[in-house]
Amino acid sequence: MTRWTSDRVDAEYDMQQRAFGDLEAVIMDLVWDYEDPVTVRQIFDELSADRQIAYTTVMSTMDNLHRKEWLSRERSGKA
């Protein structure tokens, strides 16, 4: 299992400057709402309650945010 985290220091300002896509911005807001690291499944479950979205879309978007250095990830278990 992979858990994702992000620091929120001046992040909202930086998000506006970097012009995140709509889904990236929504995902970052959800990640910041959690106090503990989150999984793709947690974010997917919240997003899928309001919109039709594929798990792989959420996973790919979070991976893109990791490559942009907005999210860090910690792998646990055999994943």
PDB file of N, CA and C in Angstrom:
ATOM      1  N   MET A   1       0.848  -1.170   0.000  1.00  0.00           N
ATOM      2  CA  MET A   1       0.000   0.000   0.000  1.00  0.00           C
ATOM      3  C   MET A   1       0.895   1.235   0.000  1.00  0.00           C
ATOM      4  N   THR A   2       0.499   2.224  -0.744  1.00  0.00           N
ATOM      5  CA  THR A   2       1.230   3.479  -0.809  1.00  0.00           C
ATOM      6  C   THR A   2       0.408   4.563  -0.145  1.00  0.00           C
ATOM      7  N   ARG A   3       1.051   5.333   0.721  1.00  0.00           N
ATOM      8  CA  ARG A   3       0.380   6.452   1.388  1.00  0.00           C
ATOM      9  C   ARG A   3       0.988   7.744   0.877  1.00  0.00           C
ATOM     10  N   TRP A   4       0.138   8.749   0.691  1.00  0.00           N
ATOM     11  CA  TRP A   4       0.538  10.013   0.089  1.00  0.00           C
ATOM     12  C   TRP A   4       0.384  11.149   1.086  1.00  0.00           C
ATOM     13  N   THR A   5       1.317  12.100   1.055  1.00  0.00           N
ATOM     14  CA  THR A   5       1.243  13.270   1.923  1.00  0.00           C
ATOM     15  C   THR A   5       1.704  14.506   1.162  1.00  0.00           C
ATOM     16  N   SER A   6       1.379  15.668   1.706  1.00  0.00           N
ATOM     17  CA  SER A   6       1.829  16.932   1.135  1.00  0.00           C
ATOM     18  C   SER A   6       1.839  17.986   2.227  1.00  0.00           C
ATOM     19  N   ASP A   7       2.802  18.886   2.159  1.00  0.00           N
ATOM     20  CA  ASP A   7       2.837  20.019   3.074  1.00  0.00           C
ATOM     21  C   ASP A   7       2.006  21.141   2.483  1.00  0.00           C
ATOM     22  N   ARG A   8       1.307  21.884   3.331  1.00  0.00           N
ATOM     23  CA  ARG A   8       0.414  22.925   2.842  1.00  0.00           C
ATOM     24  C   ARG A   8       1.017  24.330   2.990  1.00  0.00           C
ATOM     25  N   VAL A   9       2.289  24.446   3.212  1.00  0.00           N
ATOM     26  CA  VAL A   9       2.930  25.738   3.405  1.00  0.00           C
ATOM     27  C   VAL A   9       2.910  26.511   2.093  1.00  0.00           C
ATOM     28  N   ASP A  10       2.190  27.598   2.081  1.00  0.00           N
ATOM     29  CA  ASP A  10       2.042  28.446   0.896  1.00  0.00           C
ATOM     30  C   ASP A  10       1.587  27.673  -0.339  1.00  0.00           C
ATOM     31  N   ALA A  11       1.012  26.527  -0.142  1.00  0.00           N
ATOM     32  CA  ALA A  11       0.650  25.678  -1.271  1.00  0.00           C
ATOM     33  C   ALA A  11      -0.495  26.254  -2.087  1.00  0.00           C
ATOM     34  N   GLU A  12      -1.471  26.866  -1.439  1.00  0.00           N
ATOM     35  CA  GLU A  12      -2.595  27.408  -2.194  1.00  0.00           C
ATOM     36  C   GLU A  12      -2.130  28.496  -3.147  1.00  0.00           C
ATOM     37  N   TYR A  13      -1.221  29.341  -2.698  1.00  0.00           N
ATOM     38  CA  TYR A  13      -0.678  30.382  -3.574  1.00  0.00           C
ATOM     39  C   TYR A  13       0.087  29.744  -4.726  1.00  0.00           C
ATOM     40  N   ASP A  14       0.915  28.757  -4.413  1.00  0.00           N
ATOM     41  CA  ASP A  14       1.689  28.082  -5.450  1.00  0.00           C
ATOM     42  C   ASP A  14       0.789  27.377  -6.450  1.00  0.00           C
ATOM     43  N   MET A  15      -0.319  26.799  -5.977  1.00  0.00           N
ATOM     44  CA  MET A  15      -1.251  26.126  -6.886  1.00  0.00           C
ATOM     45  C   MET A  15      -1.781  27.108  -7.912  1.00  0.00           C
ATOM     46  N   GLN A  16      -2.127  28.308  -7.488  1.00  0.00           N
ATOM     47  CA  GLN A  16      -2.649  29.307  -8.410  1.00  0.00           C
ATOM     48  C   GLN A  16      -1.577  29.722  -9.404  1.00  0.00           C
ATOM     49  N   GLN A  17      -0.341  29.832  -8.948  1.00  0.00           N
ATOM     50  CA  GLN A  17       0.749  30.246  -9.822  1.00  0.00           C
ATOM     51  C   GLN A  17       1.085  29.176 -10.856  1.00  0.00           C
ATOM     52  N   ARG A  18       0.971  27.932 -10.495  1.00  0.00           N
ATOM     53  CA  ARG A  18       1.322  26.844 -11.403  1.00  0.00           C
ATOM     54  C   ARG A  18       0.141  26.377 -12.238  1.00  0.00           C
ATOM     55  N   ALA A  19      -1.013  26.908 -11.999  1.00  0.00           N
ATOM     56  CA  ALA A  19      -2.220  26.589 -12.769  1.00  0.00           C
ATOM     57  C   ALA A  19      -2.446  25.085 -12.878  1.00  0.00           C
ATOM     58  N   PHE A  20      -2.699  24.458 -11.741  1.00  0.00           N
ATOM     59  CA  PHE A  20      -3.035  23.039 -11.737  1.00  0.00           C
ATOM     60  C   PHE A  20      -4.303  22.806 -12.533  1.00  0.00           C
ATOM     61  N   GLY A  21      -4.428  21.609 -13.056  1.00  0.00           N
ATOM     62  CA  GLY A  21      -5.670  21.212 -13.684  1.00  0.00           C
ATOM     63  C   GLY A  21      -6.750  21.072 -12.626  1.00  0.00           C
ATOM     64  N   ASP A  22      -7.991  21.018 -13.071  1.00  0.00           N
ATOM     65  CA  ASP A  22      -9.112  20.928 -12.130  1.00  0.00           C
ATOM     66  C   ASP A  22      -9.006  19.713 -11.216  1.00  0.00           C
ATOM     67  N   LEU A  23      -8.734  18.545 -11.796  1.00  0.00           N
ATOM     68  CA  LEU A  23      -8.662  17.328 -10.993  1.00  0.00           C
ATOM     69  C   LEU A  23      -7.476  17.374 -10.033  1.00  0.00           C
ATOM     70  N   GLU A  24      -6.353  17.894 -10.476  1.00  0.00           N
ATOM     71  CA  GLU A  24      -5.194  18.017  -9.591  1.00  0.00           C
ATOM     72  C   GLU A  24      -5.527  18.896  -8.385  1.00  0.00           C
ATOM     73  N   ALA A  25      -6.201  19.993  -8.617  1.00  0.00           N
ATOM     74  CA  ALA A  25      -6.565  20.907  -7.525  1.00  0.00           C
ATOM     75  C   ALA A  25      -7.522  20.236  -6.547  1.00  0.00           C
ATOM     76  N   VAL A  26      -8.500  19.503  -7.063  1.00  0.00           N
ATOM     77  CA  VAL A  26      -9.461  18.810  -6.192  1.00  0.00           C
ATOM     78  C   VAL A  26      -8.739  17.764  -5.351  1.00  0.00           C
ATOM     79  N   ILE A  27      -7.858  17.008  -5.981  1.00  0.00           N
ATOM     80  CA  ILE A  27      -7.119  15.972  -5.252  1.00  0.00           C
ATOM     81  C   ILE A  27      -6.239  16.593  -4.177  1.00  0.00           C
ATOM     82  N   MET A  28      -5.550  17.676  -4.487  1.00  0.00           N
ATOM     83  CA  MET A  28      -4.701  18.319  -3.483  1.00  0.00           C
ATOM     84  C   MET A  28      -5.531  18.815  -2.306  1.00  0.00           C
ATOM     85  N   ASP A  29      -6.700  19.385  -2.572  1.00  0.00           N
ATOM     86  CA  ASP A  29      -7.573  19.829  -1.476  1.00  0.00           C
ATOM     87  C   ASP A  29      -7.982  18.654  -0.592  1.00  0.00           C
ATOM     88  N   LEU A  30      -8.296  17.513  -1.208  1.00  0.00           N
ATOM     89  CA  LEU A  30      -8.682  16.338  -0.426  1.00  0.00           C
ATOM     90  C   LEU A  30      -7.513  15.819   0.402  1.00  0.00           C
ATOM     91  N   VAL A  31      -6.329  15.776  -0.182  1.00  0.00           N
ATOM     92  CA  VAL A  31      -5.149  15.312   0.553  1.00  0.00           C
ATOM     93  C   VAL A  31      -4.906  16.206   1.762  1.00  0.00           C
ATOM     94  N   TRP A  32      -5.024  17.513   1.567  1.00  0.00           N
ATOM     95  CA  TRP A  32      -4.784  18.450   2.663  1.00  0.00           C
ATOM     96  C   TRP A  32      -5.847  18.356   3.746  1.00  0.00           C
ATOM     97  N   ASP A  33      -7.041  17.897   3.410  1.00  0.00           N
ATOM     98  CA  ASP A  33      -8.102  17.758   4.406  1.00  0.00           C
ATOM     99  C   ASP A  33      -7.807  16.644   5.415  1.00  0.00           C
ATOM    100  N   TYR A  34      -6.986  15.686   5.034  1.00  0.00           N
ATOM    101  CA  TYR A  34      -6.622  14.587   5.930  1.00  0.00           C
ATOM    102  C   TYR A  34      -5.431  15.003   6.785  1.00  0.00           C
ATOM    103  N   GLU A  35      -5.436  14.589   8.042  1.00  0.00           N
ATOM    104  CA  GLU A  35      -4.290  14.860   8.907  1.00  0.00           C
ATOM    105  C   GLU A  35      -3.196  13.823   8.695  1.00  0.00           C
ATOM    106  N   ASP A  36      -3.592  12.620   8.333  1.00  0.00           N
ATOM    107  CA  ASP A  36      -2.650  11.525   8.124  1.00  0.00           C
ATOM    108  C   ASP A  36      -2.458  11.288   6.632  1.00  0.00           C
ATOM    109  N   PRO A  37      -1.399  10.567   6.263  1.00  0.00           N
ATOM    110  CA  PRO A  37      -1.222  10.207   4.855  1.00  0.00           C
ATOM    111  C   PRO A  37      -2.443   9.446   4.331  1.00  0.00           C
ATOM    112  N   VAL A  38      -2.707   9.589   3.046  1.00  0.00           N
ATOM    113  CA  VAL A  38      -3.887   8.979   2.434  1.00  0.00           C
ATOM    114  C   VAL A  38      -3.474   7.962   1.379  1.00  0.00           C
ATOM    115  N   THR A  39      -4.414   7.120   1.012  1.00  0.00           N
ATOM    116  CA  THR A  39      -4.206   6.176  -0.081  1.00  0.00           C
ATOM    117  C   THR A  39      -5.000   6.647  -1.295  1.00  0.00           C
ATOM    118  N   VAL A  40      -4.640   6.101  -2.446  1.00  0.00           N
ATOM    119  CA  VAL A  40      -5.401   6.399  -3.660  1.00  0.00           C
ATOM    120  C   VAL A  40      -6.858   5.995  -3.450  1.00  0.00           C
ATOM    121  N   ARG A  41      -7.084   4.863  -2.790  1.00  0.00           N
ATOM    122  CA  ARG A  41      -8.450   4.372  -2.553  1.00  0.00           C
ATOM    123  C   ARG A  41      -9.272   5.388  -1.763  1.00  0.00           C
ATOM    124  N   GLN A  42      -8.685   6.010  -0.746  1.00  0.00           N
ATOM    125  CA  GLN A  42      -9.423   7.001   0.044  1.00  0.00           C
ATOM    126  C   GLN A  42      -9.839   8.187  -0.827  1.00  0.00           C
ATOM    127  N   ILE A  43      -8.923   8.672  -1.639  1.00  0.00           N
ATOM    128  CA  ILE A  43      -9.231   9.808  -2.506  1.00  0.00           C
ATOM    129  C   ILE A  43     -10.245   9.390  -3.563  1.00  0.00           C
ATOM    130  N   PHE A  44     -10.064   8.207  -4.140  1.00  0.00           N
ATOM    131  CA  PHE A  44     -11.009   7.703  -5.135  1.00  0.00           C
ATOM    132  C   PHE A  44     -12.414   7.590  -4.549  1.00  0.00           C
ATOM    133  N   ASP A  45     -12.523   7.040  -3.351  1.00  0.00           N
ATOM    134  CA  ASP A  45     -13.841   6.877  -2.722  1.00  0.00           C
ATOM    135  C   ASP A  45     -14.544   8.221  -2.546  1.00  0.00           C
ATOM    136  N   GLU A  46     -13.801   9.237  -2.151  1.00  0.00           N
ATOM    137  CA  GLU A  46     -14.414  10.565  -1.986  1.00  0.00           C
ATOM    138  C   GLU A  46     -14.816  11.164  -3.331  1.00  0.00           C
ATOM    139  N   LEU A  47     -13.946  11.051  -4.316  1.00  0.00           N
ATOM    140  CA  LEU A  47     -14.244  11.623  -5.631  1.00  0.00           C
ATOM    141  C   LEU A  47     -15.399  10.905  -6.316  1.00  0.00           C
ATOM    142  N   SER A  48     -15.425   9.586  -6.206  1.00  0.00           N
ATOM    143  CA  SER A  48     -16.446   8.813  -6.917  1.00  0.00           C
ATOM    144  C   SER A  48     -17.841   9.000  -6.323  1.00  0.00           C
ATOM    145  N   ALA A  49     -17.924   9.560  -5.130  1.00  0.00           N
ATOM    146  CA  ALA A  49     -19.231   9.861  -4.544  1.00  0.00           C
ATOM    147  C   ALA A  49     -19.904  11.016  -5.282  1.00  0.00           C
ATOM    148  N   ASP A  50     -19.097  11.895  -5.890  1.00  0.00           N
ATOM    149  CA  ASP A  50     -19.633  13.082  -6.559  1.00  0.00           C
ATOM    150  C   ASP A  50     -19.554  13.044  -8.076  1.00  0.00           C
ATOM    151  N   ARG A  51     -18.699  12.189  -8.617  1.00  0.00           N
ATOM    152  CA  ARG A  51     -18.508  12.161 -10.070  1.00  0.00           C
ATOM    153  C   ARG A  51     -18.123  10.764 -10.518  1.00  0.00           C
ATOM    154  N   GLN A  52     -18.331  10.511 -11.785  1.00  0.00           N
ATOM    155  CA  GLN A  52     -17.920   9.232 -12.353  1.00  0.00           C
ATOM    156  C   GLN A  52     -16.447   9.351 -12.734  1.00  0.00           C
ATOM    157  N   ILE A  53     -15.616   8.560 -12.084  1.00  0.00           N
ATOM    158  CA  ILE A  53     -14.173   8.641 -12.304  1.00  0.00           C
ATOM    159  C   ILE A  53     -13.567   7.261 -12.091  1.00  0.00           C
ATOM    160  N   ALA A  54     -12.542   6.950 -12.849  1.00  0.00           N
ATOM    161  CA  ALA A  54     -11.879   5.655 -12.730  1.00  0.00           C
ATOM    162  C   ALA A  54     -10.791   5.712 -11.662  1.00  0.00           C
ATOM    163  N   TYR A  55     -10.613   4.602 -10.978  1.00  0.00           N
ATOM    164  CA  TYR A  55      -9.557   4.490  -9.971  1.00  0.00           C
ATOM    165  C   TYR A  55      -8.203   4.810 -10.598  1.00  0.00           C
ATOM    166  N   THR A  56      -7.967   4.296 -11.814  1.00  0.00           N
ATOM    167  CA  THR A  56      -6.674   4.515 -12.471  1.00  0.00           C
ATOM    168  C   THR A  56      -6.445   5.983 -12.809  1.00  0.00           C
ATOM    169  N   THR A  57      -7.509   6.733 -13.044  1.00  0.00           N
ATOM    170  CA  THR A  57      -7.373   8.172 -13.299  1.00  0.00           C
ATOM    171  C   THR A  57      -6.872   8.879 -12.049  1.00  0.00           C
ATOM    172  N   VAL A  58      -7.429   8.517 -10.912  1.00  0.00           N
ATOM    173  CA  VAL A  58      -6.995   9.105  -9.643  1.00  0.00           C
ATOM    174  C   VAL A  58      -5.544   8.715  -9.368  1.00  0.00           C
ATOM    175  N   MET A  59      -5.218   7.444  -9.579  1.00  0.00           N
ATOM    176  CA  MET A  59      -3.861   6.967  -9.340  1.00  0.00           C
ATOM    177  C   MET A  59      -2.861   7.680 -10.254  1.00  0.00           C
ATOM    178  N   SER A  60      -3.188   7.819 -11.516  1.00  0.00           N
ATOM    179  CA  SER A  60      -2.292   8.497 -12.465  1.00  0.00           C
ATOM    180  C   SER A  60      -2.110   9.965 -12.108  1.00  0.00           C
ATOM    181  N   THR A  61      -3.193  10.613 -11.716  1.00  0.00           N
ATOM    182  CA  THR A  61      -3.115  12.031 -11.355  1.00  0.00           C
ATOM    183  C   THR A  61      -2.263  12.221 -10.107  1.00  0.00           C
ATOM    184  N   MET A  62      -2.425  11.333  -9.129  1.00  0.00           N
ATOM    185  CA  MET A  62      -1.603  11.432  -7.922  1.00  0.00           C
ATOM    186  C   MET A  62      -0.138  11.136  -8.241  1.00  0.00           C
ATOM    187  N   ASP A  63       0.111  10.227  -9.165  1.00  0.00           N
ATOM    188  CA  ASP A  63       1.483   9.959  -9.586  1.00  0.00           C
ATOM    189  C   ASP A  63       2.074  11.183 -10.290  1.00  0.00           C
ATOM    190  N   ASN A  64       1.289  11.848 -11.119  1.00  0.00           N
ATOM    191  CA  ASN A  64       1.744  13.081 -11.770  1.00  0.00           C
ATOM    192  C   ASN A  64       2.082  14.149 -10.735  1.00  0.00           C
ATOM    193  N   LEU A  65       1.246  14.275  -9.710  1.00  0.00           N
ATOM    194  CA  LEU A  65       1.512  15.242  -8.644  1.00  0.00           C
ATOM    195  C   LEU A  65       2.787  14.883  -7.878  1.00  0.00           C
ATOM    196  N   HIS A  66       3.057  13.594  -7.764  1.00  0.00           N
ATOM    197  CA  HIS A  66       4.307  13.157  -7.130  1.00  0.00           C
ATOM    198  C   HIS A  66       5.503  13.561  -7.993  1.00  0.00           C
ATOM    199  N   ARG A  67       5.408  13.351  -9.285  1.00  0.00           N
ATOM    200  CA  ARG A  67       6.506  13.734 -10.185  1.00  0.00           C
ATOM    201  C   ARG A  67       6.727  15.241 -10.197  1.00  0.00           C
ATOM    202  N   LYS A  68       5.664  16.010  -9.976  1.00  0.00           N
ATOM    203  CA  LYS A  68       5.774  17.472  -9.891  1.00  0.00           C
ATOM    204  C   LYS A  68       6.233  17.922  -8.501  1.00  0.00           C
ATOM    205  N   GLU A  69       6.469  16.947  -7.629  1.00  0.00           N
ATOM    206  CA  GLU A  69       6.926  17.170  -6.253  1.00  0.00           C
ATOM    207  C   GLU A  69       5.891  17.841  -5.362  1.00  0.00           C
ATOM    208  N   TRP A  70       4.619  17.655  -5.672  1.00  0.00           N
ATOM    209  CA  TRP A  70       3.545  18.152  -4.812  1.00  0.00           C
ATOM    210  C   TRP A  70       3.123  17.115  -3.794  1.00  0.00           C
ATOM    211  N   LEU A  71       3.301  15.850  -4.122  1.00  0.00           N
ATOM    212  CA  LEU A  71       2.988  14.768  -3.198  1.00  0.00           C
ATOM    213  C   LEU A  71       4.246  13.953  -2.967  1.00  0.00           C
ATOM    214  N   SER A  72       4.380  13.454  -1.759  1.00  0.00           N
ATOM    215  CA  SER A  72       5.423  12.467  -1.491  1.00  0.00           C
ATOM    216  C   SER A  72       4.709  11.161  -1.185  1.00  0.00           C
ATOM    217  N   ARG A  73       5.391  10.064  -1.434  1.00  0.00           N
ATOM    218  CA  ARG A  73       4.735   8.786  -1.177  1.00  0.00           C
ATOM    219  C   ARG A  73       5.627   7.879  -0.365  1.00  0.00           C
ATOM    220  N   GLU A  74       4.964   7.043   0.384  1.00  0.00           N
ATOM    221  CA  GLU A  74       5.628   6.088   1.261  1.00  0.00           C
ATOM    222  C   GLU A  74       4.990   4.739   1.001  1.00  0.00           C
ATOM    223  N   ARG A  75       5.769   3.817   0.519  1.00  0.00           N
ATOM    224  CA  ARG A  75       5.234   2.481   0.242  1.00  0.00           C
ATOM    225  C   ARG A  75       5.316   1.636   1.508  1.00  0.00           C
ATOM    226  N   SER A  76       4.281   0.847   1.724  1.00  0.00           N
ATOM    227  CA  SER A  76       4.273  -0.051   2.876  1.00  0.00           C
ATOM    228  C   SER A  76       3.771  -1.411   2.418  1.00  0.00           C
ATOM    229  N   GLY A  77       4.169  -2.435   3.099  1.00  0.00           N
ATOM    230  CA  GLY A  77       3.761  -3.776   2.715  1.00  0.00           C
ATOM    231  C   GLY A  77       4.479  -4.225   1.453  1.00  0.00           C
ATOM    232  N   LYS A  78       3.809  -5.048   0.658  1.00  0.00           N
ATOM    233  CA  LYS A  78       4.412  -5.596  -0.556  1.00  0.00           C
ATOM    234  C   LYS A  78       4.185  -4.732  -1.777  1.00  0.00           C
ATOM    235  N   ALA A  79       3.443  -3.659  -1.629  1.00  0.00           N
ATOM    236  CA  ALA A  79       3.114  -2.820  -2.786  1.00  0.00           C
ATOM    237  C   ALA A  79       4.322  -2.074  -3.301  1.00  0.00           C
TER     238      ALA A  79
END
